[in-house]
């Protein structure tokens, strides 16, 4: 009889003990930050501007800032062009046009976007985009979850190169699907 009571009490206490342990731990993917992080206009979160393809890029939210839930940066285009057609296996990619004119193809849909327009390119859907305006174009690009995108963009590359290396794409859960848009 005593053994049965002990087992019943233990079985009842186990979930409560597990809840108490996890209640004080951050949720999976929760940000480790306990304060706001401000990145001023024209600055990069890391303090170093990045060159990706034909654009100057400023990281705004790092993967670690959001516990892996978000990676966000701003592209600034001074010449026409964009990356090759590609597909993400892990991340949805969100674009918000701040300035200029861009053309996007997501799946079989082709559309022009201007300042204030946005578009979501879901994971597993091939997409491509290009700056087609005159002057300067600026676009915010966000990945959720962040996946391995920050590491992908930190891969060494030649100036002006969007990176056409199939193995580097595979390493970061991306797949090259075709050439860039002709502009």
C-alpha atoms as a PDB file:
ATOM      1  CA  UNK A   1       0.000   0.000   0.000  1.00  0.00           C
ATOM      2  CA  UNK A   2       2.775   2.445   0.879  1.00  0.00           C
ATOM      3  CA  UNK A   3       4.608   1.672  -2.373  1.00  0.00           C
ATOM      4  CA  UNK A   4       1.486   2.407  -4.426  1.00  0.00           C
ATOM      5  CA  UNK A   5       0.981   5.766  -2.650  1.00  0.00           C
ATOM      6  CA  UNK A   6       4.605   6.707  -3.235  1.00  0.00           C
ATOM      7  CA  UNK A   7       4.350   5.877  -6.963  1.00  0.00           C
ATOM      8  CA  UNK A   8       1.077   7.800  -7.327  1.00  0.00           C
ATOM      9  CA  UNK A   9       2.533  10.819  -5.539  1.00  0.00           C
ATOM     10  CA  UNK A  10       5.700  10.672  -7.678  1.00  0.00           C
ATOM     11  CA  UNK A  11       3.693  10.403 -10.891  1.00  0.00           C
ATOM     12  CA  UNK A  12       1.581  13.397  -9.885  1.00  0.00           C
ATOM     13  CA  UNK A  13       4.601  15.492  -8.839  1.00  0.00           C
ATOM     14  CA  UNK A  14       6.682  14.831 -11.979  1.00  0.00           C
ATOM     15  CA  UNK A  15       4.685  17.070 -14.363  1.00  0.00           C
ATOM     16  CA  UNK A  16       4.642  19.864 -11.759  1.00  0.00           C
ATOM     17  CA  UNK A  17       8.406  19.608 -11.298  1.00  0.00           C
ATOM     18  CA  UNK A  18       8.978  19.630 -15.060  1.00  0.00           C
ATOM     19  CA  UNK A  19       6.720  22.688 -15.463  1.00  0.00           C
ATOM     20  CA  UNK A  20       8.514  24.542 -12.677  1.00  0.00           C
ATOM     21  CA  UNK A  21      11.855  23.829 -14.342  1.00  0.00           C
ATOM     22  CA  UNK A  22      10.784  25.024 -17.800  1.00  0.00           C
ATOM     23  CA  UNK A  23       8.710  27.978 -16.579  1.00  0.00           C
ATOM     24  CA  UNK A  24      11.908  29.832 -15.675  1.00  0.00           C
ATOM     25  CA  UNK A  25      13.672  28.992 -18.956  1.00  0.00           C
ATOM     26  CA  UNK A  26      13.124  31.117 -22.059  1.00  0.00           C
ATOM     27  CA  UNK A  27      10.924  29.626 -24.744  1.00  0.00           C
ATOM     28  CA  UNK A  28      12.692  27.829 -27.557  1.00  0.00           C
ATOM     29  CA  UNK A  29      14.017  30.466 -29.931  1.00  0.00           C
ATOM     30  CA  UNK A  30      13.437  33.286 -27.436  1.00  0.00           C
ATOM     31  CA  UNK A  31      15.716  36.272 -27.664  1.00  0.00           C
ATOM     32  CA  UNK A  32      18.615  36.342 -25.234  1.00  0.00           C
ATOM     33  CA  UNK A  33      18.492  40.152 -25.326  1.00  0.00           C
ATOM     34  CA  UNK A  34      17.012  41.951 -22.365  1.00  0.00           C
ATOM     35  CA  UNK A  35      17.181  45.410 -23.925  1.00  0.00           C
ATOM     36  CA  UNK A  36      16.336  47.199 -27.153  1.00  0.00           C
ATOM     37  CA  UNK A  37      18.984  47.365 -29.838  1.00  0.00           C
ATOM     38  CA  UNK A  38      18.971  50.495 -31.953  1.00  0.00           C
ATOM     39  CA  UNK A  39      20.610  50.609 -35.350  1.00  0.00           C
ATOM     40  CA  UNK A  40      20.651  54.106 -36.758  1.00  0.00           C
ATOM     41  CA  UNK A  41      19.973  54.977 -40.386  1.00  0.00           C
ATOM     42  CA  UNK A  42      22.913  54.137 -42.605  1.00  0.00           C
ATOM     43  CA  UNK A  43      24.541  51.937 -39.967  1.00  0.00           C
ATOM     44  CA  UNK A  44      25.019  48.181 -39.646  1.00  0.00           C
ATOM     45  CA  UNK A  45      24.264  46.182 -36.480  1.00  0.00           C
ATOM     46  CA  UNK A  46      27.765  44.702 -36.574  1.00  0.00           C
ATOM     47  CA  UNK A  47      29.451  48.026 -37.299  1.00  0.00           C
ATOM     48  CA  UNK A  48      30.655  46.746 -40.686  1.00  0.00           C
ATOM     49  CA  UNK A  49      28.782  47.327 -43.925  1.00  0.00           C
ATOM     50  CA  UNK A  50      28.481  44.336 -46.232  1.00  0.00           C
ATOM     51  CA  UNK A  51      28.621  44.086 -49.993  1.00  0.00           C
ATOM     52  CA  UNK A  52      26.248  41.529 -51.436  1.00  0.00           C
ATOM     53  CA  UNK A  53      25.946  41.375 -55.185  1.00  0.00           C
ATOM     54  CA  UNK A  54      25.383  44.818 -56.653  1.00  0.00           C
ATOM     55  CA  UNK A  55      24.210  46.267 -53.346  1.00  0.00           C
ATOM     56  CA  UNK A  56      25.530  47.746 -50.149  1.00  0.00           C
ATOM     57  CA  UNK A  57      23.935  45.871 -47.249  1.00  0.00           C
ATOM     58  CA  UNK A  58      23.413  46.850 -43.615  1.00  0.00           C
ATOM     59  CA  UNK A  59      22.400  44.152 -41.131  1.00  0.00           C
ATOM     60  CA  UNK A  60      19.653  45.467 -38.831  1.00  0.00           C
ATOM     61  CA  UNK A  61      18.535  42.419 -36.770  1.00  0.00           C
ATOM     62  CA  UNK A  62      21.011  39.578 -36.304  1.00  0.00           C
ATOM     63  CA  UNK A  63      19.944  35.963 -35.954  1.00  0.00           C
ATOM     64  CA  UNK A  64      21.139  35.890 -32.318  1.00  0.00           C
ATOM     65  CA  UNK A  65      19.104  39.013 -31.486  1.00  0.00           C
ATOM     66  CA  UNK A  66      15.857  37.088 -32.018  1.00  0.00           C
ATOM     67  CA  UNK A  67      16.874  33.639 -30.827  1.00  0.00           C
ATOM     68  CA  UNK A  68      16.961  32.447 -34.438  1.00  0.00           C
ATOM     69  CA  UNK A  69      13.486  33.686 -35.363  1.00  0.00           C
ATOM     70  CA  UNK A  70      14.506  36.627 -37.598  1.00  0.00           C
ATOM     71  CA  UNK A  71      17.381  37.979 -39.691  1.00  0.00           C
ATOM     72  CA  UNK A  72      16.782  41.380 -41.292  1.00  0.00           C
ATOM     73  CA  UNK A  73      18.914  43.657 -43.423  1.00  0.00           C
ATOM     74  CA  UNK A  74      18.643  46.604 -45.762  1.00  0.00           C
ATOM     75  CA  UNK A  75      19.894  46.445 -49.356  1.00  0.00           C
ATOM     76  CA  UNK A  76      20.862  49.676 -51.043  1.00  0.00           C
ATOM     77  CA  UNK A  77      21.113  49.387 -54.811  1.00  0.00           C
ATOM     78  CA  UNK A  78      22.992  51.887 -56.982  1.00  0.00           C
ATOM     79  CA  UNK A  79      22.901  49.799 -60.165  1.00  0.00           C
ATOM     80  CA  UNK A  80      20.271  47.553 -61.695  1.00  0.00           C
ATOM     81  CA  UNK A  81      20.220  43.840 -61.025  1.00  0.00           C
ATOM     82  CA  UNK A  82      19.599  41.180 -58.395  1.00  0.00           C
ATOM     83  CA  UNK A  83      20.382  37.643 -57.266  1.00  0.00           C
ATOM     84  CA  UNK A  84      19.884  34.438 -59.253  1.00  0.00           C
ATOM     85  CA  UNK A  85      16.542  32.633 -59.050  1.00  0.00           C
ATOM     86  CA  UNK A  86      16.661  30.513 -55.924  1.00  0.00           C
ATOM     87  CA  UNK A  87      14.558  28.694 -53.344  1.00  0.00           C
ATOM     88  CA  UNK A  88      14.802  28.486 -49.560  1.00  0.00           C
ATOM     89  CA  UNK A  89      14.179  25.146 -47.874  1.00  0.00           C
ATOM     90  CA  UNK A  90      13.793  26.610 -44.366  1.00  0.00           C
ATOM     91  CA  UNK A  91      12.970  30.342 -44.457  1.00  0.00           C
ATOM     92  CA  UNK A  92      10.169  32.533 -45.706  1.00  0.00           C
ATOM     93  CA  UNK A  93      11.660  35.688 -47.243  1.00  0.00           C
ATOM     94  CA  UNK A  94       9.875  39.030 -46.847  1.00  0.00           C
ATOM     95  CA  UNK A  95      10.671  42.149 -48.881  1.00  0.00           C
ATOM     96  CA  UNK A  96       9.600  45.735 -48.156  1.00  0.00           C
ATOM     97  CA  UNK A  97      10.515  48.411 -50.709  1.00  0.00           C
ATOM     98  CA  UNK A  98      11.678  51.643 -49.084  1.00  0.00           C
ATOM     99  CA  UNK A  99      12.730  53.487 -52.232  1.00  0.00           C
ATOM    100  CA  UNK A 100      12.953  52.787 -55.949  1.00  0.00           C
ATOM    101  CA  UNK A 101      11.405  50.251 -58.291  1.00  0.00           C
ATOM    102  CA  UNK A 102      11.903  46.477 -58.197  1.00  0.00           C
ATOM    103  CA  UNK A 103      10.629  43.522 -60.205  1.00  0.00           C
ATOM    104  CA  UNK A 104       9.862  40.248 -58.432  1.00  0.00           C
ATOM    105  CA  UNK A 105       8.962  36.798 -59.638  1.00  0.00           C
ATOM    106  CA  UNK A 106       7.610  34.471 -56.961  1.00  0.00           C
ATOM    107  CA  UNK A 107       6.622  31.120 -58.374  1.00  0.00           C
ATOM    108  CA  UNK A 108       4.970  31.993 -61.695  1.00  0.00           C
ATOM    109  CA  UNK A 109       3.815  35.476 -60.646  1.00  0.00           C
ATOM    110  CA  UNK A 110       5.705  38.539 -61.892  1.00  0.00           C
ATOM    111  CA  UNK A 111       5.081  41.952 -60.361  1.00  0.00           C
ATOM    112  CA  UNK A 112       6.604  45.411 -59.988  1.00  0.00           C
ATOM    113  CA  UNK A 113       6.979  46.885 -56.526  1.00  0.00           C
ATOM    114  CA  UNK A 114       7.614  50.493 -55.542  1.00  0.00           C
ATOM    115  CA  UNK A 115       8.158  52.306 -52.242  1.00  0.00           C
ATOM    116  CA  UNK A 116       5.672  51.093 -49.643  1.00  0.00           C
ATOM    117  CA  UNK A 117       4.955  47.783 -51.393  1.00  0.00           C
ATOM    118  CA  UNK A 118       5.885  44.445 -49.863  1.00  0.00           C
ATOM    119  CA  UNK A 119       5.856  40.787 -50.836  1.00  0.00           C
ATOM    120  CA  UNK A 120       6.367  37.436 -49.142  1.00  0.00           C
ATOM    121  CA  UNK A 121       8.288  34.690 -50.931  1.00  0.00           C
ATOM    122  CA  UNK A 122       7.344  31.492 -49.039  1.00  0.00           C
ATOM    123  CA  UNK A 123       9.882  28.761 -48.457  1.00  0.00           C
ATOM    124  CA  UNK A 124       9.957  26.062 -51.136  1.00  0.00           C
ATOM    125  CA  UNK A 125       8.756  28.532 -53.812  1.00  0.00           C
ATOM    126  CA  UNK A 126      11.389  29.645 -56.369  1.00  0.00           C
ATOM    127  CA  UNK A 127      11.808  33.407 -56.545  1.00  0.00           C
ATOM    128  CA  UNK A 128      14.014  36.106 -58.007  1.00  0.00           C
ATOM    129  CA  UNK A 129      14.093  39.901 -57.890  1.00  0.00           C
ATOM    130  CA  UNK A 130      15.959  42.805 -59.423  1.00  0.00           C
ATOM    131  CA  UNK A 131      16.300  46.526 -58.909  1.00  0.00           C
ATOM    132  CA  UNK A 132      15.085  48.180 -62.126  1.00  0.00           C
ATOM    133  CA  UNK A 133      14.792  51.829 -61.092  1.00  0.00           C
ATOM    134  CA  UNK A 134      16.969  54.844 -61.670  1.00  0.00           C
ATOM    135  CA  UNK A 135      19.045  56.380 -58.910  1.00  0.00           C
ATOM    136  CA  UNK A 136      19.077  54.604 -55.551  1.00  0.00           C
ATOM    137  CA  UNK A 137      16.843  51.715 -54.509  1.00  0.00           C
ATOM    138  CA  UNK A 138      16.462  50.552 -50.930  1.00  0.00           C
ATOM    139  CA  UNK A 139      14.713  47.424 -49.715  1.00  0.00           C
ATOM    140  CA  UNK A 140      14.343  45.657 -46.367  1.00  0.00           C
ATOM    141  CA  UNK A 141      14.762  41.887 -46.523  1.00  0.00           C
ATOM    142  CA  UNK A 142      13.714  39.626 -43.646  1.00  0.00           C
ATOM    143  CA  UNK A 143      14.036  35.880 -43.163  1.00  0.00           C
ATOM    144  CA  UNK A 144      11.897  33.941 -40.723  1.00  0.00           C
ATOM    145  CA  UNK A 145      12.957  31.755 -39.162  1.00  0.00           C
ATOM    146  CA  UNK A 146      16.445  33.120 -39.624  1.00  0.00           C
ATOM    147  CA  UNK A 147      17.781  29.693 -40.501  1.00  0.00           C
ATOM    148  CA  UNK A 148      21.314  29.871 -41.821  1.00  0.00           C
ATOM    149  CA  UNK A 149      20.857  33.061 -43.849  1.00  0.00           C
ATOM    150  CA  UNK A 150      23.190  35.288 -41.845  1.00  0.00           C
ATOM    151  CA  UNK A 151      25.944  32.697 -42.264  1.00  0.00           C
ATOM    152  CA  UNK A 152      25.149  32.471 -45.984  1.00  0.00           C
ATOM    153  CA  UNK A 153      25.539  36.222 -46.435  1.00  0.00           C
ATOM    154  CA  UNK A 154      28.770  36.152 -44.425  1.00  0.00           C
ATOM    155  CA  UNK A 155      30.331  33.662 -46.853  1.00  0.00           C
ATOM    156  CA  UNK A 156      33.332  35.174 -48.647  1.00  0.00           C
ATOM    157  CA  UNK A 157      32.482  36.448 -52.119  1.00  0.00           C
ATOM    158  CA  UNK A 158      33.977  38.626 -54.805  1.00  0.00           C
ATOM    159  CA  UNK A 159      32.757  42.245 -54.986  1.00  0.00           C
ATOM    160  CA  UNK A 160      29.658  42.403 -57.180  1.00  0.00           C
ATOM    161  CA  UNK A 161      28.985  38.651 -56.813  1.00  0.00           C
ATOM    162  CA  UNK A 162      25.639  37.397 -55.503  1.00  0.00           C
ATOM    163  CA  UNK A 163      27.248  33.966 -55.131  1.00  0.00           C
ATOM    164  CA  UNK A 164      26.477  31.345 -57.756  1.00  0.00           C
ATOM    165  CA  UNK A 165      28.230  28.499 -55.913  1.00  0.00           C
ATOM    166  CA  UNK A 166      25.846  25.516 -55.798  1.00  0.00           C
ATOM    167  CA  UNK A 167      27.658  23.907 -52.846  1.00  0.00           C
ATOM    168  CA  UNK A 168      27.544  27.079 -50.727  1.00  0.00           C
ATOM    169  CA  UNK A 169      23.821  27.348 -51.431  1.00  0.00           C
ATOM    170  CA  UNK A 170      23.245  23.709 -50.417  1.00  0.00           C
ATOM    171  CA  UNK A 171      25.334  24.188 -47.273  1.00  0.00           C
ATOM    172  CA  UNK A 172      22.877  26.904 -46.191  1.00  0.00           C
ATOM    173  CA  UNK A 173      19.637  25.130 -47.243  1.00  0.00           C
ATOM    174  CA  UNK A 174      19.211  27.098 -50.465  1.00  0.00           C
ATOM    175  CA  UNK A 175      18.866  25.867 -54.009  1.00  0.00           C
ATOM    176  CA  UNK A 176      19.871  27.716 -57.165  1.00  0.00           C
ATOM    177  CA  UNK A 177      17.002  27.561 -59.668  1.00  0.00           C
ATOM    178  CA  UNK A 178      18.114  29.768 -62.551  1.00  0.00           C
ATOM    179  CA  UNK A 179      19.747  32.998 -63.681  1.00  0.00           C
ATOM    180  CA  UNK A 180      19.028  36.514 -62.419  1.00  0.00           C
ATOM    181  CA  UNK A 181      16.305  38.563 -64.088  1.00  0.00           C
ATOM    182  CA  UNK A 182      17.446  40.405 -67.200  1.00  0.00           C
ATOM    183  CA  UNK A 183      17.179  44.169 -66.671  1.00  0.00           C
END
